[in-house]
N, C-alpha and C. Protein backbone atom coordinates (compact mmCIF):
# COMPACT_ATOMS: atom_id res chain seq x y z
N MET A 1 0.93 -1.22 0.11
CA MET A 1 0.37 -0.68 0.00
C MET A 1 1.42 1.24 0.53
N THR A 2 1.67 1.33 0.81
CA THR A 2 3.44 2.20 0.93
C THR A 2 3.48 2.69 -0.85
N LYS A 3 4.18 1.70 -1.93
CA LYS A 3 4.81 1.97 -2.29
C LYS A 3 3.56 2.46 -3.83
N VAL A 4 2.23 2.55 -3.34
CA VAL A 4 0.66 2.97 -4.08
C VAL A 4 0.70 4.40 -4.12
N SER A 5 0.55 4.21 -2.39
CA SER A 5 0.36 6.01 -1.62
C SER A 5 2.04 7.23 -2.72
N HIS A 6 2.63 6.46 -2.51
CA HIS A 6 4.25 6.97 -3.09
C HIS A 6 4.29 7.13 -4.22
N MET A 7 3.02 6.05 -5.30
CA MET A 7 3.33 5.92 -6.69
C MET A 7 2.64 7.47 -7.10
N ILE A 8 0.98 7.30 -7.14
CA ILE A 8 0.10 8.32 -6.51
C ILE A 8 0.76 9.93 -6.03
N LEU A 9 1.71 9.86 -4.98
CA LEU A 9 2.45 11.09 -4.39
C LEU A 9 2.79 11.78 -5.89
N ALA A 10 3.95 11.00 -6.06
CA ALA A 10 4.93 11.27 -6.94
C ALA A 10 4.16 11.53 -8.94
N VAL A 11 3.05 10.93 -8.94
CA VAL A 11 2.65 12.02 -10.50
C VAL A 11 2.12 13.08 -9.89
N ALA A 12 1.70 12.86 -8.86
CA ALA A 12 0.78 13.78 -8.09
C ALA A 12 1.71 15.40 -8.67
N MET A 13 2.98 15.20 -7.80
CA MET A 13 4.48 16.18 -8.23
C MET A 13 4.89 16.53 -9.09
N LEU A 14 4.55 15.54 -10.30
CA LEU A 14 4.64 15.64 -11.74
C LEU A 14 4.25 16.39 -12.73
N GLY A 15 2.61 16.15 -11.76
CA GLY A 15 1.50 17.11 -12.71
C GLY A 15 1.61 18.20 -12.38
N LEU A 16 2.48 19.02 -10.79
CA LEU A 16 2.05 20.07 -10.13
C LEU A 16 3.41 20.39 -10.99
N ALA A 17 4.72 20.11 -11.05
CA ALA A 17 5.77 20.46 -12.00
C ALA A 17 5.06 21.12 -13.09
N ALA A 18 5.07 20.14 -14.28
CA ALA A 18 4.20 20.40 -15.20
C ALA A 18 3.38 22.04 -14.93
N GLN A 19 2.80 22.04 -14.80
CA GLN A 19 1.46 23.03 -14.56
C GLN A 19 2.69 23.96 -14.00
N ALA A 20 3.27 24.31 -13.18
CA ALA A 20 4.01 25.37 -12.92
C ALA A 20 4.99 25.95 -13.83
N GLN A 21 5.63 25.65 -14.60
CA GLN A 21 6.28 25.85 -15.79
C GLN A 21 5.68 26.38 -17.01
N VAL A 22 4.27 26.21 -16.91
CA VAL A 22 3.01 26.13 -18.08
C VAL A 22 2.45 27.45 -17.11
N MET A 23 2.02 28.44 -15.73
CA MET A 23 1.80 29.34 -14.61
C MET A 23 2.65 30.74 -16.05
N LYS A 24 1.51 31.26 -16.02
CA LYS A 24 2.61 32.79 -16.47
C LYS A 24 2.23 33.31 -14.92
N PRO A 25 4.11 34.21 -14.79
CA PRO A 25 3.69 35.38 -13.32
C PRO A 25 2.60 36.53 -13.43
N PHE A 26 2.61 35.78 -12.00
CA PHE A 26 1.98 37.32 -11.52
C PHE A 26 1.96 38.58 -11.92
N ASN A 27 0.95 39.08 -12.00
CA ASN A 27 1.28 40.20 -12.65
C ASN A 27 0.26 40.95 -11.84
N PRO A 28 -0.01 42.09 -10.75
CA PRO A 28 -0.62 42.65 -11.03
C PRO A 28 -1.81 43.71 -11.35
N GLN A 29 -2.60 43.36 -11.60
CA GLN A 29 -3.33 45.11 -12.24
C GLN A 29 -4.31 46.03 -11.77
N ILE A 30 -4.87 47.01 -11.94
CA ILE A 30 -5.86 47.70 -11.24
C ILE A 30 -6.61 47.59 -12.53
N GLN A 31 -8.18 47.50 -11.36
CA GLN A 31 -9.02 47.37 -12.08
C GLN A 31 -9.13 48.00 -12.75
N THR A 32 -9.40 48.93 -13.20
CA THR A 32 -9.91 50.29 -14.81
C THR A 32 -9.99 49.80 -15.22
N GLY A 33 -9.96 49.20 -16.86
CA GLY A 33 -10.33 48.38 -17.91
C GLY A 33 -9.40 48.40 -18.68
N GLY A 34 -7.68 48.86 -17.30
CA GLY A 34 -6.99 48.53 -18.16
C GLY A 34 -5.27 49.74 -18.65
N ASP A 35 -5.31 50.42 -19.59
CA ASP A 35 -4.47 51.00 -19.47
C ASP A 35 -4.70 52.59 -18.71
N LEU A 36 -3.70 52.43 -18.43
CA LEU A 36 -4.27 53.81 -17.04
C LEU A 36 -2.36 55.38 -17.31
N SER A 37 -2.61 55.97 -18.22
CA SER A 37 -2.11 56.05 -18.64
C SER A 37 -2.86 58.00 -17.92
N ILE A 38 -1.25 58.60 -17.62
CA ILE A 38 -1.76 60.68 -17.32
C ILE A 38 -2.16 60.60 -18.45
N ASP A 39 -3.09 60.57 -19.95
CA ASP A 39 -4.36 60.60 -20.50
C ASP A 39 -4.86 60.92 -20.32
N LYS A 40 -5.67 59.53 -19.26
CA LYS A 40 -6.86 58.73 -19.33
C LYS A 40 -7.22 59.56 -17.91
N ILE A 41 -5.33 59.02 -17.13
CA ILE A 41 -6.55 60.13 -15.60
C ILE A 41 -6.77 61.02 -15.90
N ARG A 42 -6.30 62.10 -16.85
CA ARG A 42 -6.41 63.53 -17.25
C ARG A 42 -7.52 63.68 -17.38
N GLN A 43 -7.52 62.74 -18.17
CA GLN A 43 -9.43 62.90 -19.53
C GLN A 43 -9.99 62.36 -18.40
N GLN A 44 -10.64 61.57 -17.55
CA GLN A 44 -11.15 61.74 -15.94
C GLN A 44 -11.16 62.65 -15.36
N ASN A 45 -10.04 63.61 -14.73
CA ASN A 45 -10.59 64.63 -13.92
C ASN A 45 -11.08 65.22 -14.72
N LEU A 46 -11.36 64.82 -16.12
CA LEU A 46 -12.04 66.91 -16.84
C LEU A 46 -13.39 66.45 -17.01
N THR A 47 -13.77 65.31 -17.14
CA THR A 47 -15.13 64.86 -16.71
C THR A 47 -14.99 64.65 -15.63
N VAL A 48 -14.96 64.72 -13.93
CA VAL A 48 -14.94 64.73 -13.22
C VAL A 48 -15.78 66.18 -12.62
N VAL A 49 -14.40 66.68 -12.75
CA VAL A 49 -14.48 68.53 -13.20
C VAL A 49 -15.70 68.99 -13.74
N GLN A 50 -15.87 68.97 -15.15
CA GLN A 50 -16.90 69.20 -15.19
C GLN A 50 -18.48 68.53 -14.67
N LYS A 51 -18.41 67.34 -14.30
CA LYS A 51 -19.69 66.37 -13.49
C LYS A 51 -20.04 67.22 -12.19
N ALA A 52 -19.11 67.55 -11.73
CA ALA A 52 -18.65 68.57 -10.23
C ALA A 52 -19.71 69.86 -10.73
N VAL A 53 -18.86 70.23 -11.80
CA VAL A 53 -19.63 72.06 -11.76
C VAL A 53 -21.35 72.11 -11.91
N GLU A 54 -21.74 71.06 -12.67
CA GLU A 54 -23.03 70.82 -13.66
C GLU A 54 -24.01 70.26 -12.02
N GLY A 55 -23.36 69.75 -11.44
CA GLY A 55 -23.91 69.58 -10.40
C GLY A 55 -24.50 70.45 -9.10
N ILE A 56 -22.92 71.12 -9.14
CA ILE A 56 -23.06 72.30 -7.51
C ILE A 56 -23.28 73.60 -8.58
N ARG A 57 -23.39 73.77 -9.93
CA ARG A 57 -24.48 74.94 -10.56
C ARG A 57 -25.89 75.14 -9.88
N LYS A 58 -26.41 73.42 -9.92
CA LYS A 58 -28.44 72.93 -9.15
C LYS A 58 -28.47 73.46 -8.33
N THR A 59 -27.35 74.52 -7.45
CA THR A 59 -27.21 74.51 -5.68
C THR A 59 -27.62 75.70 -5.41
N LEU A 60 -26.66 76.43 -6.86
CA LEU A 60 -26.89 78.05 -6.55
C LEU A 60 -27.88 79.18 -6.41
N PRO A 61 -27.81 79.10 -5.63
CA PRO A 61 -26.63 80.35 -4.59
C PRO A 61 -27.30 79.93 -3.53
N GLN A 62 -25.90 79.31 -2.95
CA GLN A 62 -26.39 78.88 -1.43
C GLN A 62 -25.23 79.60 -0.01
N LYS A 63 -26.25 80.24 0.88
CA LYS A 63 -25.80 81.29 1.23
C LYS A 63 -24.41 80.26 2.72
N VAL A 64 -23.80 80.77 2.93
CA VAL A 64 -21.86 79.88 3.70
C VAL A 64 -22.70 80.92 5.02
N ASP A 65 -22.84 81.98 5.37
CA ASP A 65 -22.97 82.82 6.48
C ASP A 65 -23.38 84.31 6.28
N ASN A 66 -23.44 85.19 7.40
CA ASN A 66 -24.89 86.20 7.40
C ASN A 66 -24.64 87.41 5.91
N TYR A 67 -22.80 86.89 5.57
CA TYR A 67 -22.03 87.54 5.44
C TYR A 67 -21.76 87.19 4.02
N THR A 68 -21.93 86.06 3.79
CA THR A 68 -20.90 85.38 1.65
C THR A 68 -22.30 84.28 1.46
N GLN A 69 -22.51 84.88 0.21
CA GLN A 69 -22.93 83.84 -0.60
C GLN A 69 -22.64 82.92 -1.27
N PHE A 70 -22.74 81.91 -1.37
CA PHE A 70 -21.53 80.77 -2.66
C PHE A 70 -22.45 80.94 -4.48
N VAL A 71 -22.18 81.86 -4.98
CA VAL A 71 -23.24 82.46 -5.84
C VAL A 71 -22.40 81.62 -7.26
N ALA A 72 -21.25 80.82 -7.55
CA ALA A 72 -20.62 80.60 -8.97
C ALA A 72 -19.98 79.43 -9.09
N ILE A 73 -19.46 78.71 -9.63
CA ILE A 73 -18.59 78.01 -9.96
C ILE A 73 -18.42 77.36 -11.44
N GLU A 74 -17.86 77.52 -11.75
CA GLU A 74 -16.20 77.68 -13.48
C GLU A 74 -15.52 76.31 -13.16
N SER A 75 -15.28 75.69 -14.54
CA SER A 75 -13.60 74.81 -14.19
C SER A 75 -12.86 75.58 -15.72
N ASN A 76 -11.75 75.88 -15.19
CA ASN A 76 -10.59 75.41 -15.60
C ASN A 76 -9.89 74.65 -16.02
N ASP A 77 -9.70 73.43 -16.87
CA ASP A 77 -8.94 72.43 -16.76
C ASP A 77 -9.45 71.78 -16.10
N THR A 78 -8.69 71.71 -15.04
CA THR A 78 -9.19 70.37 -13.79
C THR A 78 -8.60 71.03 -12.66
N ARG A 79 -9.11 72.34 -12.66
CA ARG A 79 -9.16 73.64 -11.22
C ARG A 79 -10.53 73.81 -11.31
N LEU A 80 -11.39 73.11 -10.31
CA LEU A 80 -13.15 73.71 -9.44
C LEU A 80 -12.23 75.72 -9.48
N ILE A 81 -13.84 76.69 -9.93
CA ILE A 81 -13.65 77.64 -9.33
C ILE A 81 -14.88 78.12 -8.77
N TYR A 82 -14.68 78.38 -7.13
CA TYR A 82 -15.92 78.80 -6.51
C TYR A 82 -15.87 80.10 -6.34
N THR A 83 -16.59 80.88 -6.59
CA THR A 83 -16.73 82.29 -6.83
C THR A 83 -17.91 83.08 -5.48
N PHE A 84 -17.29 83.30 -4.61
CA PHE A 84 -18.55 83.59 -3.07
C PHE A 84 -18.58 85.19 -3.46
N GLU A 85 -19.44 86.02 -3.39
CA GLU A 85 -20.10 87.50 -3.07
C GLU A 85 -20.17 87.64 -1.60
N VAL A 86 -20.17 88.83 -1.44
CA VAL A 86 -19.04 89.23 0.70
C VAL A 86 -19.73 90.80 0.77
N ASP A 87 -20.95 90.26 0.93
CA ASP A 87 -22.21 91.55 1.12
C ASP A 87 -21.45 92.48 2.33
N ALA A 88 -20.71 93.35 3.36
CA ALA A 88 -19.89 94.18 3.53
C ALA A 88 -20.00 95.25 4.20
N GLY A 89 -22.01 95.74 3.30
CA GLY A 89 -22.17 97.29 3.61
C GLY A 89 -21.46 97.57 3.10
N PRO A 90 -21.12 99.07 3.32
CA PRO A 90 -19.77 99.80 3.10
C PRO A 90 -18.63 99.80 3.39
N LYS A 91 -18.25 98.89 3.58
CA LYS A 91 -16.76 98.48 3.32
C LYS A 91 -16.25 98.62 1.68
N THR A 92 -14.81 99.50 2.13
CA THR A 92 -14.63 99.39 0.22
C THR A 92 -14.02 98.57 0.03
N ASP A 93 -13.11 98.07 -0.90
CA ASP A 93 -12.78 96.78 -1.63
C ASP A 93 -11.18 97.11 -0.54
N GLU A 94 -10.76 97.71 -0.26
CA GLU A 94 -8.86 98.47 -0.12
C GLU A 94 -9.28 97.26 1.32
N THR A 95 -10.47 97.71 2.09
CA THR A 95 -10.81 97.22 3.61
C THR A 95 -10.59 95.69 3.89
N LEU A 96 -11.69 94.64 2.45
CA LEU A 96 -11.86 93.82 2.59
C LEU A 96 -10.73 93.00 2.03
N LYS A 97 -9.06 93.69 1.36
CA LYS A 97 -9.12 92.76 1.25
C LYS A 97 -7.62 92.52 1.78
N LYS A 98 -7.65 93.50 2.98
CA LYS A 98 -6.95 93.27 3.85
C LYS A 98 -7.65 92.36 5.11
N GLU A 99 -8.80 92.79 6.11
CA GLU A 99 -9.90 91.24 6.12
C GLU A 99 -9.44 90.32 5.61
N GLY A 100 -9.96 89.76 4.60
CA GLY A 100 -9.42 89.02 3.27
C GLY A 100 -8.41 87.86 4.22
N LYS A 101 -6.46 88.69 3.76
CA LYS A 101 -5.89 88.28 4.30
C LYS A 101 -5.60 87.93 5.42
N GLY A 102 -6.14 88.08 6.21
CA GLY A 102 -6.82 87.62 7.45
C GLY A 102 -6.75 86.16 7.62
N MET A 103 -8.02 86.54 6.92
CA MET A 103 -9.07 85.15 7.09
C MET A 103 -8.07 84.13 6.08
N ALA A 104 -7.21 84.18 5.55
CA ALA A 104 -7.36 82.82 4.08
C ALA A 104 -6.39 81.89 4.78
N PRO A 105 -6.06 81.99 5.48
CA PRO A 105 -5.23 80.59 6.10
C PRO A 105 -5.77 79.73 6.67
N ARG A 106 -7.06 80.26 7.32
CA ARG A 106 -8.18 79.65 8.49
C ARG A 106 -9.07 78.77 6.81
N ILE A 107 -9.33 80.17 5.76
CA ILE A 107 -9.90 79.19 4.21
C ILE A 107 -9.20 77.89 3.77
N PHE A 108 -8.25 78.65 4.15
CA PHE A 108 -6.77 77.53 3.08
C PHE A 108 -6.92 76.27 3.67
N LYS A 109 -7.30 75.59 4.62
CA LYS A 109 -7.15 75.19 5.72
C LYS A 109 -8.89 74.00 5.29
N GLY A 110 -8.87 75.03 4.77
CA GLY A 110 -10.67 74.30 5.29
C GLY A 110 -11.40 73.43 3.96
N MET A 111 -10.03 74.69 2.99
CA MET A 111 -10.12 74.06 1.60
C MET A 111 -9.32 72.27 1.68
N CYS A 112 -8.43 72.76 1.83
CA CYS A 112 -7.74 71.36 1.98
C CYS A 112 -8.19 70.00 2.37
N THR A 113 -8.94 70.28 3.58
CA THR A 113 -10.08 69.73 4.10
C THR A 113 -10.40 68.98 3.26
N SER A 114 -11.94 69.89 3.37
CA SER A 114 -13.49 69.37 3.36
C SER A 114 -12.80 69.41 1.46
N ALA A 115 -12.18 69.64 0.78
CA ALA A 115 -12.07 69.19 -0.84
C ALA A 115 -10.86 67.70 -1.06
N GLU A 116 -10.39 66.92 0.56
CA GLU A 116 -10.06 66.23 -0.07
C GLU A 116 -9.29 65.49 -1.05
N ARG A 117 -10.45 64.67 -1.31
CA ARG A 117 -10.18 63.95 -2.25
C ARG A 117 -10.67 64.41 -3.67
N PHE A 118 -10.56 65.65 -3.90
CA PHE A 118 -11.12 66.33 -5.05
C PHE A 118 -9.31 66.88 -5.53
N ILE A 119 -8.21 67.34 -4.76
CA ILE A 119 -6.75 67.52 -4.20
C ILE A 119 -6.29 66.75 -4.57
N GLN A 120 -7.14 65.34 -4.09
CA GLN A 120 -5.56 63.79 -3.47
C GLN A 120 -5.98 63.30 -5.33
N ALA A 121 -6.81 63.30 -5.85
CA ALA A 121 -6.90 63.24 -6.75
C ALA A 121 -6.29 64.20 -8.44
N ASP A 122 -5.54 64.54 -8.35
CA ASP A 122 -5.08 65.80 -8.57
C ASP A 122 -6.34 67.09 -9.18
N ILE A 123 -7.24 67.48 -8.56
CA ILE A 123 -7.70 68.37 -8.93
C ILE A 123 -7.56 69.24 -7.98
N ALA A 124 -7.94 70.83 -8.79
CA ALA A 124 -6.94 71.94 -8.19
C ALA A 124 -9.00 73.13 -7.71
N LEU A 125 -8.46 73.47 -7.32
CA LEU A 125 -9.80 74.88 -6.39
C LEU A 125 -9.11 75.62 -6.54
N THR A 126 -10.10 76.60 -7.23
CA THR A 126 -9.58 78.08 -6.43
C THR A 126 -11.08 78.71 -5.71
N TYR A 127 -10.91 79.37 -4.87
CA TYR A 127 -12.01 80.07 -4.15
C TYR A 127 -11.89 82.12 -4.29
N ARG A 128 -12.63 82.11 -5.20
CA ARG A 128 -12.64 83.13 -4.88
C ARG A 128 -14.11 84.51 -4.84
N TYR A 129 -13.49 85.24 -4.08
CA TYR A 129 -13.82 86.10 -2.91
C TYR A 129 -15.12 87.67 -3.82
N VAL A 130 -15.68 88.50 -3.73
CA VAL A 130 -16.10 88.99 -3.98
C VAL A 130 -16.66 90.39 -3.48
N ASN A 131 -16.84 91.98 -3.70
CA ASN A 131 -16.95 92.43 -2.79
C ASN A 131 -18.61 92.43 -3.84
N LYS A 132 -19.58 92.17 -2.89
CA LYS A 132 -21.62 92.58 -4.02
C LYS A 132 -21.46 93.53 -3.88
N ALA A 133 -21.07 94.89 -3.54
CA ALA A 133 -21.78 95.78 -4.93
C ALA A 133 -20.61 96.89 -5.52
N THR A 134 -19.43 96.03 -5.79
CA THR A 134 -18.19 96.48 -7.06
C THR A 134 -18.62 95.37 -7.83
N GLN A 135 -18.47 93.90 -7.25
CA GLN A 135 -18.09 93.33 -8.01
C GLN A 135 -16.50 92.80 -8.16
N SER A 136 -15.89 94.06 -7.91
CA SER A 136 -14.31 93.79 -7.81
C SER A 136 -13.74 92.45 -6.90
N GLU A 137 -12.92 91.86 -7.51
CA GLU A 137 -12.42 90.97 -6.61
C GLU A 137 -11.59 91.98 -4.67
N ILE A 138 -11.27 90.93 -4.07
CA ILE A 138 -10.87 91.19 -2.84
C ILE A 138 -10.23 90.14 -2.38
N LEU A 139 -10.04 88.90 -3.02
CA LEU A 139 -9.32 87.12 -2.37
C LEU A 139 -9.31 86.41 -3.07
N ARG A 140 -8.68 86.11 -3.22
CA ARG A 140 -8.45 84.95 -4.14
C ARG A 140 -7.47 83.89 -3.66
N ILE A 141 -8.24 82.57 -3.79
CA ILE A 141 -7.12 81.26 -2.79
C ILE A 141 -7.11 80.81 -3.04
N ASP A 142 -5.91 79.81 -3.90
CA ASP A 142 -5.03 78.61 -4.67
C ASP A 142 -5.32 77.45 -3.28
N ALA A 143 -5.76 75.78 -3.65
CA ALA A 143 -5.16 74.69 -3.53
C ALA A 143 -5.20 74.11 -4.55
N ASP A 144 -3.98 73.06 -3.46
CA ASP A 144 -3.60 71.46 -5.33
C ASP A 144 -2.75 70.68 -3.30
N LYS A 145 -2.90 69.92 -4.78
CA LYS A 145 -1.70 68.29 -3.88
C LYS A 145 -0.13 69.13 -3.58
N LYS A 146 0.01 70.82 -4.64
CA LYS A 146 1.27 70.45 -3.76
C LYS A 146 0.94 71.52 -2.88
N LEU A 147 0.24 71.76 -2.74
CA LEU A 147 0.04 73.45 -1.53
C LEU A 147 -0.45 72.27 -0.53
N CYS A 148 -0.95 71.99 -0.59
CA CYS A 148 -1.58 71.39 0.71
C CYS A 148 -1.36 70.04 1.17
N PRO A 149 -0.86 70.60 2.76
CA PRO A 149 -0.70 69.42 3.77
C PRO A 149 -0.70 68.21 3.33
N SER A 150 -0.05 66.35 2.82
CA SER A 150 -0.57 65.24 2.08
C SER A 150 -0.84 65.40 4.17
N LYS A 151 -2.15 64.77 3.83
CA LYS A 151 -2.59 63.71 5.29
C LYS A 151 -1.90 62.03 5.30
N LYS A 152 -1.02 62.07 6.70
CA LYS A 152 -0.37 60.99 6.67
C LYS A 152 -1.23 59.57 6.94
N PRO A 153 -0.81 58.73 6.94
CA PRO A 153 -2.15 57.61 6.56
C PRO A 153 -1.80 57.63 8.22
N ASP A 154 -2.99 56.60 9.50
CA ASP A 154 -3.15 56.54 10.21
C ASP A 154 -2.42 54.86 10.65
N LYS A 155 -1.39 54.97 12.02
CA LYS A 155 -0.66 53.88 11.85
C LYS A 155 -1.79 52.81 13.22
């Protein structure tokens, strides 16, 4: 009986050895339908940006706080451009620009946090603030993958 078991084991081992020579080496691929060239990723990002603009536009205007309304969104390549109107009454553009510089770091941090998925996908953001009375730009803040601090994975 042991000769038979050894014989079966030997035949099985030969079969596995033959099959191992035929097997192709493991080649991992991301399941995205194939080619992940930079051009394809860029085209996907352009589509994402356009769909975001279309979807968000339908919800405008949106009240942000007592002085600010989110009034417009547009795109430029893979950049989303948000426009906010500030109703600051009789304040001049110069006064609003000075006040905006003080608020810019907090706004920038919020952009990097709230739009983290866009940022990580190489979609850039611009927040434009305009004076409602004059329509002059009083503040512009840009955020992208290079500017925003990358989030470290939790250990």
